[in-house]
Every structure is written in structure tokens, then in C-alpha cells.
Amino acid sequence: MTLVQVILVVICITPYGIDNAYGLITSNAQKDATQLVNENFVVTVVTLLSSFYCSGSCYMFLISSSSFRRAVKDRIFWWRRANRINPFQAATVGRAS
């Protein structure tokens, strides 16, 4: 499981660090419009990829841990309450017979 976490970090977080380093190195360089568009596209893709780290770790735990699956299943079924009708006892006025 630790190996899967390491692979997930390498795939999702490493490009973010590389992009930040590139941005710092080239911050004072003159860039034309095409290069700025390309860099903004790369930033968008890297940000999207790094956001997969959170959901990826959740899915990794769902796949590998039976106790985590059980806890998630209990939470989901706890939120979904059954539609139950509570009987209503109307107060009746007693008649003298």
C-alpha cells in the first residue's frame, strides 16, 4: 500500500513542484503570447493533476482496506434514512356509555 501511495505522489505532486520551479526560474524572462498561453495551459493541467491526489488516495484506501470500506459503507447507509411512518395516536374524547 505504501508503494501505491509513493506512485500516487510521484504522478500527482511531482509535476506541480517542477512547474513551480520552472515558474521561478523564468519569472524575469520576456515571453511572447504563445509561450504564455502554453504555460497557462500547462499550469491548468498540472493543477488538475495535483487535485487528483486527494481523490486518488481515497480510492486507494477503498480498494486496499476492508475496514475503510466498511466504515465508508456504514457512513453512507447512516446518511440514507429509511422512510418510516410514525403512527399518530389521535387523542380521543372518551364517551360515557
Protein backbone atom coordinates (compact mmCIF):
# COMPACT_ATOMS: atom_id res chain seq x y z
CA MET A 1 0.00 0.00 0.00
CA THR A 2 2.89 2.36 0.71
CA LEU A 3 4.28 1.70 -2.76
CA VAL A 4 0.95 2.72 -4.28
CA GLN A 5 0.98 5.94 -2.21
CA VAL A 6 4.50 6.74 -3.40
CA ILE A 7 3.49 6.18 -7.02
CA LEU A 8 0.44 8.39 -6.50
CA VAL A 9 2.61 11.18 -5.07
CA VAL A 10 5.11 10.89 -7.92
CA ILE A 11 2.38 11.04 -10.55
CA CYS A 12 0.27 13.78 -8.96
CA ILE A 13 2.54 16.06 -6.93
CA THR A 14 5.91 15.98 -8.69
CA PRO A 15 4.69 17.87 -11.80
CA TYR A 16 3.40 20.63 -9.51
CA GLY A 17 6.87 21.07 -8.00
CA ILE A 18 8.51 21.05 -11.42
CA ASP A 19 6.05 23.66 -12.68
CA ASN A 20 6.69 25.89 -9.66
CA ALA A 21 10.45 25.61 -10.16
CA TYR A 22 10.08 26.47 -13.85
CA GLY A 23 7.91 29.47 -12.96
CA LEU A 24 10.51 30.76 -10.51
CA ILE A 25 13.38 30.29 -12.94
CA THR A 26 11.62 32.01 -15.85
CA SER A 27 9.80 34.72 -13.90
CA ASN A 28 12.03 37.53 -15.21
CA ALA A 29 12.26 36.27 -18.81
CA GLN A 30 10.50 38.02 -21.68
CA LYS A 31 7.72 35.79 -23.05
CA ASP A 32 5.54 36.16 -26.11
CA ALA A 33 1.79 35.50 -26.17
CA THR A 34 2.12 31.95 -27.49
CA GLN A 35 4.51 30.96 -24.73
CA LEU A 36 2.23 32.49 -22.08
CA VAL A 37 -0.77 30.57 -23.44
CA ASN A 38 1.24 27.33 -23.43
CA GLU A 39 2.47 27.94 -19.88
CA ASN A 40 -1.05 28.72 -18.65
CA PHE A 41 -2.30 25.50 -20.25
CA VAL A 42 0.43 23.51 -18.52
CA VAL A 43 -0.40 25.19 -15.19
CA THR A 44 -4.07 24.23 -15.64
CA VAL A 45 -3.23 20.60 -16.45
CA VAL A 46 -0.77 20.33 -13.55
CA THR A 47 -3.28 21.85 -11.11
CA LEU A 48 -5.93 19.39 -12.27
CA LEU A 49 -3.50 16.51 -11.94
CA SER A 50 -2.45 17.55 -8.44
CA SER A 51 -6.08 17.74 -7.35
CA PHE A 52 -6.41 14.05 -8.20
CA TYR A 53 -4.09 13.26 -5.29
CA CYS A 54 -6.86 13.71 -2.71
CA SER A 55 -9.43 11.65 -4.56
CA GLY A 56 -6.80 9.12 -5.59
CA SER A 57 -5.78 8.46 -2.01
CA CYS A 58 -9.44 7.95 -1.07
CA TYR A 59 -9.92 5.44 -3.90
CA MET A 60 -6.66 3.74 -2.98
CA PHE A 61 -7.87 3.21 0.58
CA LEU A 62 -11.25 1.99 -0.69
CA ILE A 63 -9.53 -0.58 -2.88
CA SER A 64 -6.94 -1.80 -0.39
CA SER A 65 -8.53 -1.57 3.07
CA SER A 66 -11.55 -3.62 4.05
CA SER A 67 -12.00 -1.75 7.34
CA PHE A 68 -12.04 1.59 5.46
CA ARG A 69 -14.63 0.18 3.03
CA ARG A 70 -16.76 -0.95 5.95
CA ALA A 71 -16.54 2.47 7.62
CA VAL A 72 -17.48 4.26 4.39
CA LYS A 73 -20.39 1.89 3.81
CA ASP A 74 -21.66 2.44 7.34
CA ARG A 75 -21.48 6.23 6.88
CA ILE A 76 -23.31 6.12 3.55
CA PHE A 77 -26.11 3.96 4.89
CA TRP A 78 -26.34 6.07 8.04
CA TRP A 79 -26.98 9.19 5.93
CA ARG A 80 -29.72 7.45 3.95
CA ARG A 81 -32.52 7.05 6.41
CA ALA A 82 -35.44 4.78 5.77
CA ASN A 83 -38.79 6.34 5.02
CA ARG A 84 -40.74 5.26 8.03
CA ILE A 85 -44.15 6.44 9.02
CA ASN A 86 -44.60 7.01 12.70
CA PRO A 87 -48.09 6.08 13.83
CA PHE A 88 -50.02 9.04 15.14
CA GLN A 89 -52.27 8.35 18.08
CA ALA A 90 -55.03 10.90 18.00
CA ALA A 91 -56.34 11.86 21.38
CA THR A 92 -59.92 10.70 21.55
CA VAL A 93 -62.51 12.07 23.85
CA GLY A 94 -63.99 9.23 25.78
CA ARG A 95 -67.76 8.81 25.63
CA ALA A 96 -69.72 7.72 28.51
CA SER A 97 -71.64 4.64 27.56
